[in-house]
Amino acid sequence: MPLEFPELREAVVEANLALARAHLVTLTWGNASVVDRRVGVFGIKPSGVPFERLRPEDIPVLSLDDGRTVSGQLRPSSDAPTHLVLYRHFSEVGAVVHTHSRFATAWAQAERPIPCLGTTHADHFHGPVPLVRMLSDEEIRDGYETRTGAVIVEYFVSHGLNPLNFPGALVPRHGPFAWGEHGPRAVENAIALEMIAEVAAWTVMLAPEVGPIRPALLDRHFMRKHGWSAYYGQRETLQNGKS
């Protein structure tokens, strides 16, 4: 019998393997998912399965409507409800990544947003990496994973943030979530987030009184890589043989 959703499952496997190659995950701590909005489903890493053993047929596929499994025999990641909330509220997002990478998790456990201290950060986030609020005891007891997604969405809505301009957030005492338009971009943003977290940690240790980057420099670096006026890198298409 042909495998259902083969392209989606392949994309999910590749995103998860990319996390392992980038050393963003330890043991089975972390997961990546990819959505297919045309069909109304998303695939996600199965719970507790080592990254190196992942195969396309292992990937559970879930409904965007209610999160139920529509294809696959293995249980989805326990974080699947968080991914579902993000997909349902961030329409631009095509893939979500959750890790317990060392430095980003340290900032989350310290309950500190990551300040934008330099251009490395400004190339990827248009300001500090958000730290969302702590869940209440009631929220932890009732629908913990769904509430985790809800507090991320709550922060972005209340602060008027575009999730593609801030492609990640820290959940206090937990860890980082990152996302992007597709699997490779979500993984790239997770890699960038960990680099940002490490550089910021070292910077604060070396210069405890350091302040944030100036707004003009922040805007210049972010906008040269993002938006209609971006000029960093190469054009994806060539017109009339000219670049």
Protein backbone atom coordinates (compact mmCIF):
# COMPACT_ATOMS: atom_id res chain seq x y z
CA MET A 1 0.00 0.00 0.00
CA PRO A 2 1.48 3.40 -0.98
CA LEU A 3 2.60 5.64 1.87
CA GLU A 4 0.19 8.50 2.54
CA PHE A 5 1.57 12.06 2.44
CA PRO A 6 5.04 10.93 1.26
CA GLU A 7 6.42 14.41 0.48
CA LEU A 8 5.25 15.82 3.80
CA ARG A 9 6.72 12.91 5.72
CA GLU A 10 10.05 13.22 3.90
CA ALA A 11 10.15 16.93 4.76
CA VAL A 12 9.50 16.18 8.42
CA VAL A 13 12.24 13.55 8.55
CA GLU A 14 14.72 15.92 6.91
CA ALA A 15 13.90 18.76 9.30
CA ASN A 16 14.41 16.53 12.32
CA LEU A 17 17.64 15.05 10.97
CA ALA A 18 18.88 18.59 10.29
CA LEU A 19 18.36 19.43 13.96
CA ALA A 20 20.51 16.45 14.92
CA ARG A 21 23.21 17.39 12.40
CA ALA A 22 23.29 20.91 13.84
CA HIS A 23 23.70 19.47 17.39
CA LEU A 24 20.57 21.27 18.58
CA VAL A 25 19.03 18.15 20.11
CA THR A 26 20.23 15.66 22.72
CA LEU A 27 18.80 12.15 23.08
CA THR A 28 15.16 12.55 21.97
CA TRP A 29 14.71 16.08 23.39
CA GLY A 30 13.14 18.07 20.59
CA ASN A 31 11.01 17.84 17.52
CA ALA A 32 10.21 19.44 14.18
CA SER A 33 6.97 19.54 12.25
CA VAL A 34 5.93 20.65 8.77
CA VAL A 35 2.44 21.69 7.67
CA ASP A 36 0.55 21.15 4.40
CA ARG A 37 -2.15 23.79 4.52
CA ARG A 38 -3.62 22.73 1.17
CA VAL A 39 -4.65 19.40 2.67
CA GLY A 40 -5.12 20.68 6.22
CA VAL A 41 -2.56 18.44 7.97
CA PHE A 42 0.87 18.56 9.56
CA GLY A 43 3.48 15.89 10.20
CA ILE A 44 5.60 15.78 13.34
CA LYS A 45 8.31 13.64 14.92
CA PRO A 46 6.91 10.62 16.82
CA SER A 47 7.30 10.70 20.59
CA GLY A 48 10.48 9.24 22.05
CA VAL A 49 11.92 7.90 18.79
CA PRO A 50 15.68 8.57 18.35
CA PHE A 51 16.42 10.99 15.55
CA GLU A 52 18.81 8.64 13.75
CA ARG A 53 16.08 5.99 13.46
CA LEU A 54 13.45 8.20 11.84
CA ARG A 55 11.86 6.99 8.59
CA PRO A 56 9.05 8.57 6.57
CA GLU A 57 6.65 5.79 7.55
CA ASP A 58 7.24 6.64 11.23
CA ILE A 59 5.88 10.19 10.93
CA PRO A 60 2.40 10.75 12.37
CA VAL A 61 0.21 13.08 10.32
CA LEU A 62 -2.32 15.17 12.25
CA SER A 63 -5.38 17.21 11.33
CA LEU A 64 -5.10 21.01 11.51
CA ASP A 65 -8.74 21.11 12.57
CA ASP A 66 -8.54 19.17 15.82
CA GLY A 67 -5.06 17.66 16.14
CA ARG A 68 -6.22 14.05 15.78
CA THR A 69 -3.93 11.60 13.99
CA VAL A 70 -5.17 10.94 10.45
CA SER A 71 -2.27 8.76 9.30
CA GLY A 72 0.50 6.82 11.01
CA GLN A 73 0.82 4.19 13.73
CA LEU A 74 3.17 5.92 16.19
CA ARG A 75 2.17 8.44 18.81
CA PRO A 76 3.05 12.02 17.84
CA SER A 77 5.37 14.17 19.91
CA SER A 78 3.86 15.29 23.20
CA ASP A 79 4.46 18.86 21.94
CA ALA A 80 2.12 18.36 18.97
CA PRO A 81 -0.66 20.48 20.56
CA THR A 82 1.78 23.40 20.85
CA HIS A 83 2.66 23.11 17.16
CA LEU A 84 -1.03 22.93 16.29
CA VAL A 85 -1.79 26.21 18.09
CA LEU A 86 1.09 27.95 16.31
CA TYR A 87 -0.04 26.71 12.88
CA ARG A 88 -3.62 27.77 13.50
CA HIS A 89 -2.68 31.31 14.54
CA PHE A 90 0.48 32.02 12.51
CA SER A 91 -0.73 31.58 8.94
CA GLU A 92 2.66 32.45 7.43
CA VAL A 93 4.42 29.63 9.27
CA GLY A 94 5.07 26.38 7.41
CA ALA A 95 7.26 24.54 9.92
CA VAL A 96 7.88 24.61 13.68
CA VAL A 97 10.94 23.45 15.64
CA HIS A 98 11.32 22.86 19.37
CA THR A 99 14.67 22.08 20.95
CA HIS A 100 16.37 22.11 24.31
CA SER A 101 19.55 23.59 22.85
CA ARG A 102 21.96 24.63 25.58
CA PHE A 103 22.23 28.40 25.45
CA ALA A 104 18.68 29.21 24.36
CA THR A 105 17.37 26.91 27.08
CA ALA A 106 19.63 28.62 29.64
CA TRP A 107 18.07 32.02 28.81
CA ALA A 108 14.60 30.45 29.06
CA GLN A 109 15.41 28.87 32.43
CA ALA A 110 16.80 32.19 33.65
CA GLU A 111 13.50 33.77 32.54
CA ARG A 112 15.31 36.38 30.47
CA PRO A 113 14.53 37.52 26.93
CA ILE A 114 17.64 37.57 24.76
CA PRO A 115 18.58 41.23 24.19
CA CYS A 116 19.68 42.34 20.74
CA LEU A 117 23.29 43.25 21.42
CA GLY A 118 24.75 43.21 17.92
CA THR A 119 24.33 42.64 14.22
CA THR A 120 24.52 38.82 14.42
CA HIS A 121 21.23 38.96 16.29
CA ALA A 122 19.80 41.77 14.15
CA ASP A 123 20.27 39.73 10.98
CA HIS A 124 17.59 37.27 12.17
CA PHE A 125 15.35 38.95 14.79
CA HIS A 126 14.02 42.49 14.55
CA GLY A 127 14.57 43.01 18.28
CA PRO A 128 14.96 40.92 21.44
CA VAL A 129 14.04 37.25 21.31
CA PRO A 130 10.67 37.21 23.13
CA LEU A 131 10.24 35.58 26.50
CA VAL A 132 6.57 34.71 26.94
CA ARG A 133 4.83 34.64 30.30
CA MET A 134 4.96 31.77 32.75
CA LEU A 135 2.01 29.42 32.71
CA SER A 136 -0.20 29.46 35.79
CA ASP A 137 -0.57 26.31 37.88
CA GLU A 138 -4.05 25.83 36.43
CA GLU A 139 -2.74 26.13 32.88
CA ILE A 140 -0.02 23.59 33.64
CA ARG A 141 -2.54 21.12 35.04
CA ASP A 142 -5.13 21.56 32.28
CA GLY A 143 -3.99 21.35 28.65
CA TYR A 144 -0.31 22.10 29.31
CA GLU A 145 0.98 21.71 25.74
CA THR A 146 -1.94 23.59 24.20
CA ARG A 147 -1.51 26.39 26.74
CA THR A 148 2.18 26.59 25.87
CA GLY A 149 1.26 27.44 22.29
CA ALA A 150 -1.42 29.82 23.51
CA VAL A 151 0.97 31.93 25.61
CA ILE A 152 3.31 32.28 22.63
CA VAL A 153 0.43 33.48 20.46
CA GLU A 154 -0.82 35.71 23.29
CA TYR A 155 2.57 37.46 23.47
CA PHE A 156 2.80 38.04 19.73
CA VAL A 157 -0.75 39.37 19.49
CA SER A 158 -0.45 41.65 22.53
CA HIS A 159 2.86 43.08 21.31
CA GLY A 160 1.81 43.32 17.66
CA LEU A 161 4.74 41.19 16.44
CA ASN A 162 5.05 39.59 13.03
CA PRO A 163 6.16 35.96 13.62
CA LEU A 164 8.38 36.08 10.53
CA ASN A 165 10.24 39.10 11.93
CA PHE A 166 10.62 37.32 15.27
CA PRO A 167 10.96 33.65 14.20
CA GLY A 168 11.20 32.19 17.66
CA ALA A 169 10.41 32.62 21.33
CA LEU A 170 11.47 31.36 24.74
CA VAL A 171 9.06 29.60 27.08
CA PRO A 172 10.20 30.26 30.68
CA ARG A 173 11.72 27.30 32.55
CA HIS A 174 11.23 25.24 29.38
CA GLY A 175 13.08 26.16 26.22
CA PRO A 176 12.97 27.66 22.72
CA PHE A 177 10.51 27.30 19.87
CA ALA A 178 11.40 28.50 16.38
CA TRP A 179 9.56 28.53 13.07
CA GLY A 180 9.76 29.55 9.44
CA GLU A 181 8.02 29.47 6.08
CA HIS A 182 9.20 25.88 5.47
CA GLY A 183 11.28 23.17 7.11
CA PRO A 184 14.77 24.34 6.12
CA ARG A 185 13.98 27.92 7.15
CA ALA A 186 12.62 26.82 10.54
CA VAL A 187 15.79 24.80 11.18
CA GLU A 188 17.93 27.73 10.05
CA ASN A 189 16.11 29.99 12.50
CA ALA A 190 16.61 27.48 15.31
CA ILE A 191 20.35 27.38 14.51
CA ALA A 192 20.46 31.18 14.44
CA LEU A 193 18.58 31.38 17.74
CA GLU A 194 21.08 29.11 19.48
CA MET A 195 24.01 31.13 18.06
CA ILE A 196 22.36 34.38 19.18
CA ALA A 197 21.81 32.93 22.66
CA GLU A 198 25.43 31.80 22.98
CA VAL A 199 26.94 35.06 21.75
CA ALA A 200 24.63 37.07 24.02
CA ALA A 201 25.59 34.96 27.04
CA TRP A 202 29.30 35.51 26.42
CA THR A 203 28.75 39.21 25.75
CA VAL A 204 26.86 39.72 29.02
CA MET A 205 29.60 37.85 30.91
CA LEU A 206 32.33 40.02 29.35
CA ALA A 207 30.43 43.30 29.62
CA PRO A 208 27.59 43.03 32.19
CA GLU A 209 26.48 46.63 31.60
CA VAL A 210 26.27 46.37 27.82
CA GLY A 211 23.17 47.92 26.28
CA PRO A 212 21.10 46.96 23.24
CA ILE A 213 22.13 47.72 19.68
CA ARG A 214 21.15 51.16 18.37
CA PRO A 215 17.80 51.14 16.50
CA ALA A 216 19.35 52.44 13.27
CA LEU A 217 21.87 49.58 13.17
CA LEU A 218 19.23 47.03 14.14
CA ASP A 219 16.92 48.18 11.34
CA ARG A 220 19.69 48.33 8.75
CA HIS A 221 20.86 44.78 9.38
CA PHE A 222 17.39 43.28 9.64
CA MET A 223 16.00 45.03 6.58
CA ARG A 224 18.95 44.22 4.32
CA LYS A 225 18.02 40.52 4.70
CA HIS A 226 14.22 40.76 5.02
CA GLY A 227 11.34 42.50 3.30
CA TRP A 228 10.86 44.06 -0.11
CA SER A 229 14.07 46.13 0.06
CA ALA A 230 16.37 43.24 1.05
CA TYR A 231 19.66 43.13 -0.85
CA TYR A 232 21.63 40.44 1.02
CA GLY A 233 22.42 37.23 -0.91
CA GLN A 234 21.40 36.25 -4.43
CA ARG A 235 18.08 36.50 -6.19
CA GLU A 236 16.27 33.19 -6.37
CA THR A 237 15.37 33.69 -10.04
CA LEU A 238 17.12 35.31 -12.96
CA GLN A 239 15.24 37.41 -15.47
CA ASN A 240 16.48 37.71 -19.06
CA GLY A 241 19.82 36.25 -18.07
CA LYS A 242 20.62 39.14 -15.74
CA SER A 243 21.02 39.07 -11.95
